[in-house]
Protein backbone atom coordinates (compact mmCIF):
# COMPACT_ATOMS: atom_id res chain seq x y z
CA UNK A 1 82.79 70.84 87.23
CA UNK A 2 86.25 70.21 88.68
CA UNK A 3 87.31 73.80 87.99
CA UNK A 4 84.22 75.13 89.75
CA UNK A 5 84.98 72.93 92.76
CA UNK A 6 88.59 74.14 92.82
CA UNK A 7 87.50 77.77 92.72
CA UNK A 8 85.09 77.17 95.63
CA UNK A 9 87.85 75.53 97.66
CA UNK A 10 90.16 78.48 97.08
CA UNK A 11 87.46 81.00 98.03
CA UNK A 12 86.62 79.02 101.18
CA UNK A 13 90.32 78.95 102.12
CA UNK A 14 90.58 82.74 101.99
CA UNK A 15 87.23 83.23 103.74
CA UNK A 16 88.32 80.97 106.61
CA UNK A 17 91.64 82.83 106.87
CA UNK A 18 89.78 86.16 107.11
CA UNK A 19 87.58 84.80 109.89
CA UNK A 20 90.64 83.46 111.72
CA UNK A 21 92.38 86.82 111.34
CA UNK A 22 89.43 88.64 112.87
CA UNK A 23 89.40 86.23 115.81
CA UNK A 24 93.17 86.57 116.37
CA UNK A 25 93.17 90.37 116.28
CA UNK A 26 94.34 92.06 119.49
CA UNK A 27 93.11 95.56 118.59
CA UNK A 28 90.80 97.30 116.16
CA UNK A 29 90.75 100.85 114.81
CA UNK A 30 87.96 103.10 116.14
CA UNK A 31 85.99 102.77 112.89
CA UNK A 32 86.53 98.98 112.79
CA UNK A 33 88.28 98.99 109.44
CA UNK A 34 91.78 97.97 110.59
CA UNK A 35 92.86 95.06 112.77
CA UNK A 36 96.12 94.72 114.72
CA UNK A 37 97.85 91.40 115.39
CA UNK A 38 100.47 90.43 117.97
CA UNK A 39 103.12 89.79 115.26
CA UNK A 40 105.79 92.49 115.57
CA UNK A 41 107.28 93.48 112.21
CA UNK A 42 109.79 96.06 113.39
CA UNK A 43 110.87 98.37 116.16
CA UNK A 44 112.59 101.72 116.20
CA UNK A 45 113.44 104.34 118.77
CA UNK A 46 109.93 105.77 118.90
CA UNK A 47 107.63 103.29 117.10
CA UNK A 48 106.74 99.62 117.16
CA UNK A 49 105.26 98.19 113.95
CA UNK A 50 102.81 95.29 114.00
CA UNK A 51 101.11 93.28 111.27
CA UNK A 52 97.67 94.66 110.47
CA UNK A 53 94.80 94.06 108.10
CA UNK A 54 92.52 96.41 106.18
CA UNK A 55 89.19 94.60 106.50
CA UNK A 56 87.63 96.53 103.60
CA UNK A 57 90.19 95.43 101.03
CA UNK A 58 91.78 92.36 102.68
CA UNK A 59 95.23 93.92 102.22
CA UNK A 60 97.90 93.50 104.89
CA UNK A 61 99.05 96.78 106.43
CA UNK A 62 101.60 98.01 108.95
CA UNK A 63 100.08 99.11 112.26
CA UNK A 64 102.48 101.64 113.80
CA UNK A 65 102.34 102.57 117.46
CA UNK A 66 104.17 105.52 118.91
CA UNK A 67 106.04 104.62 122.12
CA UNK A 68 105.31 107.73 124.18
CA UNK A 69 107.52 106.62 127.07
CA UNK A 70 110.57 106.86 124.75
CA UNK A 71 109.99 110.50 123.77
């Protein structure tokens, strides 16, 4: 019974994090699959890279934005 309870706690932890991620997103892809967050991962001459999330798989992704003003 303790193992079952532990598994439920772990699943709830990840479910709550997913809900929090969706609420903290600052942008969403047109099809709704990807979310963009304010956390900047990197910056180059022409692109800024933000932390993102693939909502279908739960995998973190890099959300790249082209900086048109720098071209």
